Amino acid sequence: MAQQPKTLKVSVVSAEAEIFSGEAQVIELPGETGNLGILPGHTPLMTRIRAGTVWIKTVSGAEEWIFVAGGILEVQPEEVTVLADTAIRGQDLDEAKAQQARQNAEAALRNTQSKLEYATVAAELETTLAQLAAIRKLRRTL
Protein backbone atom coordinates (compact mmCIF):
# COMPACT_ATOMS: atom_id res chain seq x y z
CA MET A 1 0.00 0.00 0.00
CA ALA A 2 1.33 3.45 -0.94
CA GLN A 3 2.25 5.75 1.92
CA GLN A 4 0.19 8.95 2.25
CA PRO A 5 2.07 12.23 1.66
CA LYS A 6 2.85 14.20 4.82
CA THR A 7 2.48 17.68 3.31
CA LEU A 8 0.59 19.57 0.67
CA LYS A 9 1.96 22.01 -1.89
CA VAL A 10 -0.40 24.98 -1.57
CA SER A 11 -0.77 27.86 -4.01
CA VAL A 12 -3.17 30.78 -3.55
CA VAL A 13 -3.29 33.07 -6.57
CA SER A 14 -5.45 35.92 -7.74
CA ALA A 15 -5.60 37.79 -11.01
CA GLU A 16 -3.13 40.29 -9.56
CA ALA A 17 -0.49 38.09 -7.92
CA GLU A 18 0.53 34.87 -6.24
CA ILE A 19 -0.42 35.42 -2.58
CA PHE A 20 0.96 32.21 -1.07
CA SER A 21 3.06 29.31 -2.26
CA GLY A 22 4.50 26.72 0.08
CA GLU A 23 4.24 23.43 1.91
CA ALA A 24 1.41 22.97 4.40
CA GLN A 25 0.05 20.46 6.88
CA VAL A 26 -3.58 21.49 6.40
CA ILE A 27 -5.72 24.11 4.66
CA GLU A 28 -9.26 25.22 5.50
CA LEU A 29 -11.44 27.40 3.31
CA PRO A 30 -15.06 28.31 2.57
CA GLY A 31 -16.46 25.87 0.02
CA GLU A 32 -19.61 26.62 -1.89
CA THR A 33 -21.78 24.54 0.45
CA GLY A 34 -19.71 24.77 3.65
CA ASN A 35 -16.20 24.90 5.04
CA LEU A 36 -13.64 22.45 3.69
CA GLY A 37 -10.63 20.98 5.46
CA ILE A 38 -7.93 19.56 3.22
CA LEU A 39 -5.19 17.25 4.50
CA PRO A 40 -2.38 15.52 2.58
CA GLY A 41 -3.73 12.60 0.56
CA HIS A 42 -7.16 14.20 0.06
CA THR A 43 -9.32 12.83 -2.73
CA PRO A 44 -9.11 14.93 -5.91
CA LEU A 45 -11.74 17.67 -5.94
CA MET A 46 -12.68 20.75 -7.91
CA THR A 47 -15.27 23.17 -6.55
CA ARG A 48 -16.19 26.82 -6.30
CA ILE A 49 -15.37 28.68 -3.12
CA ARG A 50 -17.25 31.47 -1.38
CA ALA A 51 -15.89 34.73 -0.05
CA GLY A 52 -14.19 34.15 3.28
CA THR A 53 -11.00 33.15 5.02
CA VAL A 54 -8.43 30.63 3.82
CA TRP A 55 -6.41 29.27 6.75
CA ILE A 56 -3.14 27.50 6.04
CA LYS A 57 -0.99 25.76 8.65
CA THR A 58 2.50 25.52 7.19
CA VAL A 59 4.95 22.69 7.84
CA SER A 60 6.80 24.95 10.32
CA GLY A 61 3.55 25.38 12.28
CA ALA A 62 3.06 29.01 11.22
CA GLU A 63 -0.44 30.09 10.24
CA GLU A 64 -1.34 32.04 7.12
CA TRP A 65 -4.70 33.83 6.86
CA ILE A 66 -5.88 34.99 3.45
CA PHE A 67 -9.18 36.62 2.54
CA VAL A 68 -10.62 35.44 -0.80
CA ALA A 69 -13.61 36.95 -2.57
CA GLY A 70 -14.61 33.65 -4.16
CA GLY A 71 -12.98 31.54 -6.84
CA ILE A 72 -12.10 27.93 -7.66
CA LEU A 73 -10.42 25.24 -5.57
CA GLU A 74 -8.52 22.34 -7.11
CA VAL A 75 -7.33 19.55 -4.84
CA GLN A 76 -4.93 16.77 -5.79
CA PRO A 77 -3.53 14.28 -3.23
CA GLU A 78 -0.32 16.30 -2.82
CA GLU A 79 -1.28 19.72 -4.15
CA VAL A 80 -3.96 22.37 -3.54
CA THR A 81 -4.53 25.36 -5.79
CA VAL A 82 -6.84 28.23 -4.90
CA LEU A 83 -7.65 30.46 -7.88
CA ALA A 84 -9.24 33.46 -6.18
CA ASP A 85 -11.20 36.29 -7.76
CA THR A 86 -9.47 38.56 -5.22
CA ALA A 87 -7.06 37.52 -2.47
CA ILE A 88 -5.63 39.65 0.33
CA ARG A 89 -3.21 38.53 3.05
CA GLY A 90 -4.79 38.82 6.49
CA GLN A 91 -2.28 41.40 7.71
CA ASP A 92 -3.07 43.59 4.66
CA LEU A 93 -6.83 43.80 5.31
CA ASP A 94 -7.97 47.35 6.05
CA GLU A 95 -10.96 47.44 8.40
CA ALA A 96 -11.74 51.13 7.87
CA LYS A 97 -11.75 50.65 4.09
CA ALA A 98 -13.95 47.54 4.41
CA GLN A 99 -16.41 49.39 6.69
CA GLN A 100 -16.64 52.23 4.16
CA ALA A 101 -17.23 49.72 1.34
CA ARG A 102 -20.01 48.12 3.43
CA GLN A 103 -21.67 51.49 4.00
CA ASN A 104 -21.41 52.35 0.29
CA ALA A 105 -22.89 48.99 -0.73
CA GLU A 106 -25.75 49.30 1.76
CA ALA A 107 -26.57 52.80 0.46
CA ALA A 108 -26.40 51.59 -3.16
CA LEU A 109 -28.67 48.66 -2.29
CA ARG A 110 -31.32 51.06 -0.99
CA ASN A 111 -31.14 53.07 -4.23
CA THR A 112 -31.08 50.32 -6.85
CA GLN A 113 -33.41 50.64 -9.82
CA SER A 114 -33.27 47.20 -11.43
CA LYS A 115 -33.04 43.55 -10.44
CA LEU A 116 -29.66 43.23 -12.15
CA GLU A 117 -28.27 46.25 -10.32
CA TYR A 118 -29.69 44.90 -7.05
CA ALA A 119 -28.02 41.50 -7.60
CA THR A 120 -24.66 43.14 -8.39
CA VAL A 121 -24.75 45.39 -5.33
CA ALA A 122 -25.97 42.54 -3.10
CA ALA A 123 -22.99 40.41 -4.22
CA GLU A 124 -20.61 43.30 -3.44
CA LEU A 125 -22.18 43.67 0.00
CA GLU A 126 -21.85 39.92 0.65
CA THR A 127 -18.14 40.05 -0.23
CA THR A 128 -17.58 43.09 1.99
CA LEU A 129 -19.35 41.40 4.92
CA ALA A 130 -17.18 38.30 4.43
CA GLN A 131 -14.09 40.52 4.47
CA LEU A 132 -15.18 42.13 7.75
CA ALA A 133 -15.80 38.65 9.20
CA ALA A 134 -12.28 37.65 8.11
CA ILE A 135 -10.86 40.71 9.88
CA ARG A 136 -12.70 39.80 13.09
CA LYS A 137 -11.53 36.17 12.85
CA LEU A 138 -7.93 37.25 12.31
CA ARG A 139 -8.11 39.63 15.29
CA ARG A 140 -9.24 36.75 17.55
CA THR A 141 -6.28 34.59 16.51
CA LEU A 142 -3.58 37.18 17.10
C-alpha atoms as a PDB file:
ATOM      1  CA  MET A   1       0.000   0.000   0.000  1.00  0.00           C
ATOM      2  CA  ALA A   2       1.332   3.450  -0.942  1.00  0.00           C
ATOM      3  CA  GLN A   3       2.252   5.752   1.920  1.00  0.00           C
ATOM      4  CA  GLN A   4       0.193   8.950   2.251  1.00  0.00           C
ATOM      5  CA  PRO A   5       2.069  12.226   1.657  1.00  0.00           C
ATOM      6  CA  LYS A   6       2.849  14.202   4.815  1.00  0.00           C
ATOM      7  CA  THR A   7       2.485  17.683   3.314  1.00  0.00           C
ATOM      8  CA  LEU A   8       0.589  19.573   0.669  1.00  0.00           C
ATOM      9  CA  LYS A   9       1.962  22.006  -1.889  1.00  0.00           C
ATOM     10  CA  VAL A  10      -0.404  24.982  -1.568  1.00  0.00           C
ATOM     11  CA  SER A  11      -0.765  27.865  -4.015  1.00  0.00           C
ATOM     12  CA  VAL A  12      -3.167  30.776  -3.551  1.00  0.00           C
ATOM     13  CA  VAL A  13      -3.288  33.065  -6.573  1.00  0.00           C
ATOM     14  CA  SER A  14      -5.454  35.920  -7.745  1.00  0.00           C
ATOM     15  CA  ALA A  15      -5.604  37.792 -11.014  1.00  0.00           C
ATOM     16  CA  GLU A  16      -3.127  40.294  -9.559  1.00  0.00           C
ATOM     17  CA  ALA A  17      -0.493  38.088  -7.916  1.00  0.00           C
ATOM     18  CA  GLU A  18       0.525  34.869  -6.237  1.00  0.00           C
ATOM     19  CA  ILE A  19      -0.417  35.417  -2.584  1.00  0.00           C
ATOM     20  CA  PHE A  20       0.963  32.208  -1.069  1.00  0.00           C
ATOM     21  CA  SER A  21       3.062  29.306  -2.262  1.00  0.00           C
ATOM     22  CA  GLY A  22       4.503  26.718   0.080  1.00  0.00           C
ATOM     23  CA  GLU A  23       4.244  23.428   1.914  1.00  0.00           C
ATOM     24  CA  ALA A  24       1.413  22.974   4.397  1.00  0.00           C
ATOM     25  CA  GLN A  25       0.054  20.456   6.881  1.00  0.00           C
ATOM     26  CA  VAL A  26      -3.582  21.488   6.401  1.00  0.00           C
ATOM     27  CA  ILE A  27      -5.720  24.105   4.656  1.00  0.00           C
ATOM     28  CA  GLU A  28      -9.264  25.216   5.502  1.00  0.00           C
ATOM     29  CA  LEU A  29     -11.439  27.404   3.314  1.00  0.00           C
ATOM     30  CA  PRO A  30     -15.064  28.312   2.569  1.00  0.00           C
ATOM     31  CA  GLY A  31     -16.456  25.870   0.019  1.00  0.00           C
ATOM     32  CA  GLU A  32     -19.610  26.618  -1.894  1.00  0.00           C
ATOM     33  CA  THR A  33     -21.782  24.541   0.454  1.00  0.00           C
ATOM     34  CA  GLY A  34     -19.706  24.771   3.652  1.00  0.00           C
ATOM     35  CA  ASN A  35     -16.197  24.901   5.044  1.00  0.00           C
ATOM     36  CA  LEU A  36     -13.636  22.448   3.686  1.00  0.00           C
ATOM     37  CA  GLY A  37     -10.630  20.984   5.462  1.00  0.00           C
ATOM     38  CA  ILE A  38      -7.925  19.555   3.223  1.00  0.00           C
ATOM     39  CA  LEU A  39      -5.189  17.247   4.496  1.00  0.00           C
ATOM     40  CA  PRO A  40      -2.383  15.524   2.576  1.00  0.00           C
ATOM     41  CA  GLY A  41      -3.729  12.598   0.556  1.00  0.00           C
ATOM     42  CA  HIS A  42      -7.162  14.195   0.063  1.00  0.00           C
ATOM     43  CA  THR A  43      -9.323  12.833  -2.735  1.00  0.00           C
ATOM     44  CA  PRO A  44      -9.114  14.934  -5.912  1.00  0.00           C
ATOM     45  CA  LEU A  45     -11.736  17.667  -5.939  1.00  0.00           C
ATOM     46  CA  MET A  46     -12.684  20.755  -7.908  1.00  0.00           C
ATOM     47  CA  THR A  47     -15.274  23.171  -6.552  1.00  0.00           C
ATOM     48  CA  ARG A  48     -16.193  26.818  -6.304  1.00  0.00           C
ATOM     49  CA  ILE A  49     -15.372  28.684  -3.124  1.00  0.00           C
ATOM     50  CA  ARG A  50     -17.249  31.474  -1.384  1.00  0.00           C
ATOM     51  CA  ALA A  51     -15.892  34.729  -0.050  1.00  0.00           C
ATOM     52  CA  GLY A  52     -14.191  34.145   3.279  1.00  0.00           C
ATOM     53  CA  THR A  53     -11.000  33.150   5.024  1.00  0.00           C
ATOM     54  CA  VAL A  54      -8.428  30.634   3.821  1.00  0.00           C
ATOM     55  CA  TRP A  55      -6.412  29.274   6.753  1.00  0.00           C
ATOM     56  CA  ILE A  56      -3.136  27.505   6.042  1.00  0.00           C
ATOM     57  CA  LYS A  57      -0.986  25.757   8.652  1.00  0.00           C
ATOM     58  CA  THR A  58       2.504  25.517   7.188  1.00  0.00           C
ATOM     59  CA  VAL A  59       4.954  22.691   7.841  1.00  0.00           C
ATOM     60  CA  SER A  60       6.796  24.953  10.319  1.00  0.00           C
ATOM     61  CA  GLY A  61       3.548  25.380  12.281  1.00  0.00           C
ATOM     62  CA  ALA A  62       3.058  29.010  11.217  1.00  0.00           C
ATOM     63  CA  GLU A  63      -0.442  30.087  10.238  1.00  0.00           C
ATOM     64  CA  GLU A  64      -1.339  32.036   7.119  1.00  0.00           C
ATOM     65  CA  TRP A  65      -4.696  33.827   6.862  1.00  0.00           C
ATOM     66  CA  ILE A  66      -5.881  34.990   3.450  1.00  0.00           C
ATOM     67  CA  PHE A  67      -9.180  36.618   2.536  1.00  0.00           C
ATOM     68  CA  VAL A  68     -10.618  35.444  -0.799  1.00  0.00           C
ATOM     69  CA  ALA A  69     -13.612  36.948  -2.566  1.00  0.00           C
ATOM     70  CA  GLY A  70     -14.607  33.653  -4.161  1.00  0.00           C
ATOM     71  CA  GLY A  71     -12.981  31.536  -6.836  1.00  0.00           C
ATOM     72  CA  ILE A  72     -12.102  27.933  -7.659  1.00  0.00           C
ATOM     73  CA  LEU A  73     -10.419  25.240  -5.569  1.00  0.00           C
ATOM     74  CA  GLU A  74      -8.522  22.343  -7.113  1.00  0.00           C
ATOM     75  CA  VAL A  75      -7.334  19.550  -4.837  1.00  0.00           C
ATOM     76  CA  GLN A  76      -4.932  16.767  -5.792  1.00  0.00           C
ATOM     77  CA  PRO A  77      -3.535  14.282  -3.225  1.00  0.00           C
ATOM     78  CA  GLU A  78      -0.318  16.302  -2.818  1.00  0.00           C
ATOM     79  CA  GLU A  79      -1.281  19.721  -4.151  1.00  0.00           C
ATOM     80  CA  VAL A  80      -3.956  22.372  -3.539  1.00  0.00           C
ATOM     81  CA  THR A  81      -4.533  25.361  -5.794  1.00  0.00           C
ATOM     82  CA  VAL A  82      -6.841  28.233  -4.905  1.00  0.00           C
ATOM     83  CA  LEU A  83      -7.654  30.464  -7.878  1.00  0.00           C
ATOM     84  CA  ALA A  84      -9.244  33.463  -6.181  1.00  0.00           C
ATOM     85  CA  ASP A  85     -11.200  36.286  -7.760  1.00  0.00           C
ATOM     86  CA  THR A  86      -9.474  38.556  -5.223  1.00  0.00           C
ATOM     87  CA  ALA A  87      -7.058  37.517  -2.474  1.00  0.00           C
ATOM     88  CA  ILE A  88      -5.629  39.654   0.330  1.00  0.00           C
ATOM     89  CA  ARG A  89      -3.212  38.532   3.050  1.00  0.00           C
ATOM     90  CA  GLY A  90      -4.785  38.824   6.485  1.00  0.00           C
ATOM     91  CA  GLN A  91      -2.284  41.400   7.706  1.00  0.00           C
ATOM     92  CA  ASP A  92      -3.072  43.592   4.664  1.00  0.00           C
ATOM     93  CA  LEU A  93      -6.825  43.800   5.311  1.00  0.00           C
ATOM     94  CA  ASP A  94      -7.969  47.353   6.047  1.00  0.00           C
ATOM     95  CA  GLU A  95     -10.960  47.440   8.402  1.00  0.00           C
ATOM     96  CA  ALA A  96     -11.744  51.133   7.868  1.00  0.00           C
ATOM     97  CA  LYS A  97     -11.750  50.650   4.092  1.00  0.00           C
ATOM     98  CA  ALA A  98     -13.955  47.544   4.408  1.00  0.00           C
ATOM     99  CA  GLN A  99     -16.410  49.394   6.691  1.00  0.00           C
ATOM    100  CA  GLN A 100     -16.638  52.233   4.155  1.00  0.00           C
ATOM    101  CA  ALA A 101     -17.234  49.721   1.343  1.00  0.00           C
ATOM    102  CA  ARG A 102     -20.005  48.116   3.426  1.00  0.00           C
ATOM    103  CA  GLN A 103     -21.675  51.491   3.999  1.00  0.00           C
ATOM    104  CA  ASN A 104     -21.412  52.349   0.287  1.00  0.00           C
ATOM    105  CA  ALA A 105     -22.889  48.988  -0.727  1.00  0.00           C
ATOM    106  CA  GLU A 106     -25.749  49.303   1.762  1.00  0.00           C
ATOM    107  CA  ALA A 107     -26.569  52.802   0.463  1.00  0.00           C
ATOM    108  CA  ALA A 108     -26.399  51.591  -3.155  1.00  0.00           C
ATOM    109  CA  LEU A 109     -28.671  48.664  -2.286  1.00  0.00           C
ATOM    110  CA  ARG A 110     -31.318  51.057  -0.989  1.00  0.00           C
ATOM    111  CA  ASN A 111     -31.140  53.074  -4.227  1.00  0.00           C
ATOM    112  CA  THR A 112     -31.085  50.317  -6.852  1.00  0.00           C
ATOM    113  CA  GLN A 113     -33.415  50.645  -9.821  1.00  0.00           C
ATOM    114  CA  SER A 114     -33.270  47.203 -11.434  1.00  0.00           C
ATOM    115  CA  LYS A 115     -33.041  43.554 -10.439  1.00  0.00           C
ATOM    116  CA  LEU A 116     -29.660  43.229 -12.155  1.00  0.00           C
ATOM    117  CA  GLU A 117     -28.270  46.255 -10.325  1.00  0.00           C
ATOM    118  CA  TYR A 118     -29.686  44.897  -7.052  1.00  0.00           C
ATOM    119  CA  ALA A 119     -28.017  41.505  -7.599  1.00  0.00           C
ATOM    120  CA  THR A 120     -24.664  43.136  -8.392  1.00  0.00           C
ATOM    121  CA  VAL A 121     -24.747  45.385  -5.327  1.00  0.00           C
ATOM    122  CA  ALA A 122     -25.971  42.538  -3.098  1.00  0.00           C
ATOM    123  CA  ALA A 123     -22.993  40.414  -4.224  1.00  0.00           C
ATOM    124  CA  GLU A 124     -20.613  43.305  -3.440  1.00  0.00           C
ATOM    125  CA  LEU A 125     -22.183  43.667   0.002  1.00  0.00           C
ATOM    126  CA  GLU A 126     -21.846  39.915   0.651  1.00  0.00           C
ATOM    127  CA  THR A 127     -18.140  40.046  -0.226  1.00  0.00           C
ATOM    128  CA  THR A 128     -17.583  43.088   1.995  1.00  0.00           C
ATOM    129  CA  LEU A 129     -19.355  41.398   4.923  1.00  0.00           C
ATOM    130  CA  ALA A 130     -17.181  38.301   4.425  1.00  0.00           C
ATOM    131  CA  GLN A 131     -14.089  40.516   4.466  1.00  0.00           C
ATOM    132  CA  LEU A 132     -15.184  42.125   7.752  1.00  0.00           C
ATOM    133  CA  ALA A 133     -15.798  38.653   9.204  1.00  0.00           C
ATOM    134  CA  ALA A 134     -12.281  37.649   8.110  1.00  0.00           C
ATOM    135  CA  ILE A 135     -10.856  40.711   9.876  1.00  0.00           C
ATOM    136  CA  ARG A 136     -12.704  39.799  13.093  1.00  0.00           C
ATOM    137  CA  LYS A 137     -11.534  36.173  12.851  1.00  0.00           C
ATOM    138  CA  LEU A 138      -7.930  37.248  12.312  1.00  0.00           C
ATOM    139  CA  ARG A 139      -8.113  39.632  15.293  1.00  0.00           C
ATOM    140  CA  ARG A 140      -9.238  36.747  17.552  1.00  0.00           C
ATOM    141  CA  THR A 141      -6.284  34.585  16.510  1.00  0.00           C
ATOM    142  CA  LEU A 142      -3.576  37.179  17.101  1.00  0.00           C
END
